[in-house]
Amino acid sequence: MLLDFGFGDPLLLWFGSYIHYCKQFVSLLGEKSDIIDVPSGVPQEGHLSLLLFAIFINGMEEFYC
């Protein structure tokens, strides 16, 4: 989808590394869960999350119109 907006390498590779291979855990009352891989999505409150979400939903109109 980013190709449709004119993004190319190496920026696409950088975006790919930004949204893939992420890990997360939950911390509550000083206890931490196991670390798990996150297979998709963008980090909550990430600097680029709103931009990537806007690009994603902008491309959805071709699927639903």
C-alpha atoms as a PDB file:
ATOM      1  CA  MET A   1       0.000   0.000   0.000  1.00  0.00           C
ATOM      2  CA  LEU A   2       2.855   2.389   0.724  1.00  0.00           C
ATOM      3  CA  LEU A   3       4.106   1.837  -2.815  1.00  0.00           C
ATOM      4  CA  ASP A   4       0.819   3.301  -4.076  1.00  0.00           C
ATOM      5  CA  PHE A   5       1.646   6.524  -2.232  1.00  0.00           C
ATOM      6  CA  GLY A   6       5.085   6.811  -3.809  1.00  0.00           C
ATOM      7  CA  PHE A   7       7.180   5.413  -0.973  1.00  0.00           C
ATOM      8  CA  GLY A   8      10.200   3.415  -2.118  1.00  0.00           C
ATOM      9  CA  ASP A   9      13.346   1.794  -0.778  1.00  0.00           C
ATOM     10  CA  PRO A  10      15.059   2.281   1.635  1.00  0.00           C
ATOM     11  CA  LEU A  11      12.081   3.901   3.371  1.00  0.00           C
ATOM     12  CA  LEU A  12       9.884   0.828   2.816  1.00  0.00           C
ATOM     13  CA  LEU A  13      12.512  -1.378   4.426  1.00  0.00           C
ATOM     14  CA  TRP A  14      12.667   0.980   7.390  1.00  0.00           C
ATOM     15  CA  PHE A  15       8.857   0.971   7.760  1.00  0.00           C
ATOM     16  CA  GLY A  16       8.953  -2.823   7.591  1.00  0.00           C
ATOM     17  CA  SER A  17      11.428  -3.018  10.433  1.00  0.00           C
ATOM     18  CA  TYR A  18       9.310  -0.530  12.404  1.00  0.00           C
ATOM     19  CA  ILE A  19       6.189  -2.721  12.321  1.00  0.00           C
ATOM     20  CA  HIS A  20       7.712  -6.209  12.291  1.00  0.00           C
ATOM     21  CA  TYR A  21       9.731  -8.054  14.881  1.00  0.00           C
ATOM     22  CA  CYS A  22       8.206  -6.131  17.784  1.00  0.00           C
ATOM     23  CA  LYS A  23       7.933  -7.651  21.220  1.00  0.00           C
ATOM     24  CA  GLN A  24       5.824  -6.695  24.196  1.00  0.00           C
ATOM     25  CA  PHE A  25       5.058  -7.597  27.773  1.00  0.00           C
ATOM     26  CA  VAL A  26       2.633  -6.492  30.465  1.00  0.00           C
ATOM     27  CA  SER A  27       3.780  -5.077  33.767  1.00  0.00           C
ATOM     28  CA  LEU A  28       1.336  -4.917  36.687  1.00  0.00           C
ATOM     29  CA  LEU A  29       2.124  -4.280  40.326  1.00  0.00           C
ATOM     30  CA  GLY A  30       5.811  -4.958  39.759  1.00  0.00           C
ATOM     31  CA  GLU A  31       5.237  -8.292  38.021  1.00  0.00           C
ATOM     32  CA  LYS A  32       6.055  -8.773  34.334  1.00  0.00           C
ATOM     33  CA  SER A  33       4.499 -11.229  31.910  1.00  0.00           C
ATOM     34  CA  ASP A  34       6.478 -13.265  29.422  1.00  0.00           C
ATOM     35  CA  ILE A  35       7.729 -11.379  26.385  1.00  0.00           C
ATOM     36  CA  ILE A  36       5.727 -12.231  23.261  1.00  0.00           C
ATOM     37  CA  ASP A  37       6.163 -11.450  19.564  1.00  0.00           C
ATOM     38  CA  VAL A  38       3.655  -9.026  18.053  1.00  0.00           C
ATOM     39  CA  PRO A  39       2.995 -10.176  14.466  1.00  0.00           C
ATOM     40  CA  SER A  40       1.178  -7.070  13.195  1.00  0.00           C
ATOM     41  CA  GLY A  41       0.066  -3.555  13.972  1.00  0.00           C
ATOM     42  CA  VAL A  42       1.901  -0.430  14.997  1.00  0.00           C
ATOM     43  CA  PRO A  43       3.094   0.606  18.453  1.00  0.00           C
ATOM     44  CA  GLN A  44       0.490   2.483  20.469  1.00  0.00           C
ATOM     45  CA  GLU A  45       1.401   6.142  20.760  1.00  0.00           C
ATOM     46  CA  GLY A  46       4.277   5.630  18.327  1.00  0.00           C
ATOM     47  CA  HIS A  47       5.343   8.728  16.442  1.00  0.00           C
ATOM     48  CA  LEU A  48       4.443   7.201  13.079  1.00  0.00           C
ATOM     49  CA  SER A  49       1.331   5.290  14.193  1.00  0.00           C
ATOM     50  CA  LEU A  50      -1.146   8.020  13.228  1.00  0.00           C
ATOM     51  CA  LEU A  51       0.491   8.555   9.838  1.00  0.00           C
ATOM     52  CA  LEU A  52       0.489   4.827   9.039  1.00  0.00           C
ATOM     53  CA  PHE A  53      -3.124   4.502  10.216  1.00  0.00           C
ATOM     54  CA  ALA A  54      -4.186   7.429   7.999  1.00  0.00           C
ATOM     55  CA  ILE A  55      -2.444   5.876   4.983  1.00  0.00           C
ATOM     56  CA  PHE A  56      -4.084   2.519   5.743  1.00  0.00           C
ATOM     57  CA  ILE A  57      -7.650   3.833   6.033  1.00  0.00           C
ATOM     58  CA  ASN A  58      -7.205   6.080   3.003  1.00  0.00           C
ATOM     59  CA  GLY A  59      -6.620   2.956   0.912  1.00  0.00           C
ATOM     60  CA  MET A  60      -9.674   1.161   2.323  1.00  0.00           C
ATOM     61  CA  GLU A  61     -12.201   3.090   0.237  1.00  0.00           C
ATOM     62  CA  GLU A  62     -11.299   0.998  -2.822  1.00  0.00           C
ATOM     63  CA  PHE A  63     -12.413  -2.110  -0.905  1.00  0.00           C
ATOM     64  CA  TYR A  64     -15.693  -0.739   0.436  1.00  0.00           C
ATOM     65  CA  CYS A  65     -16.986   1.589  -2.292  1.00  0.00           C
END
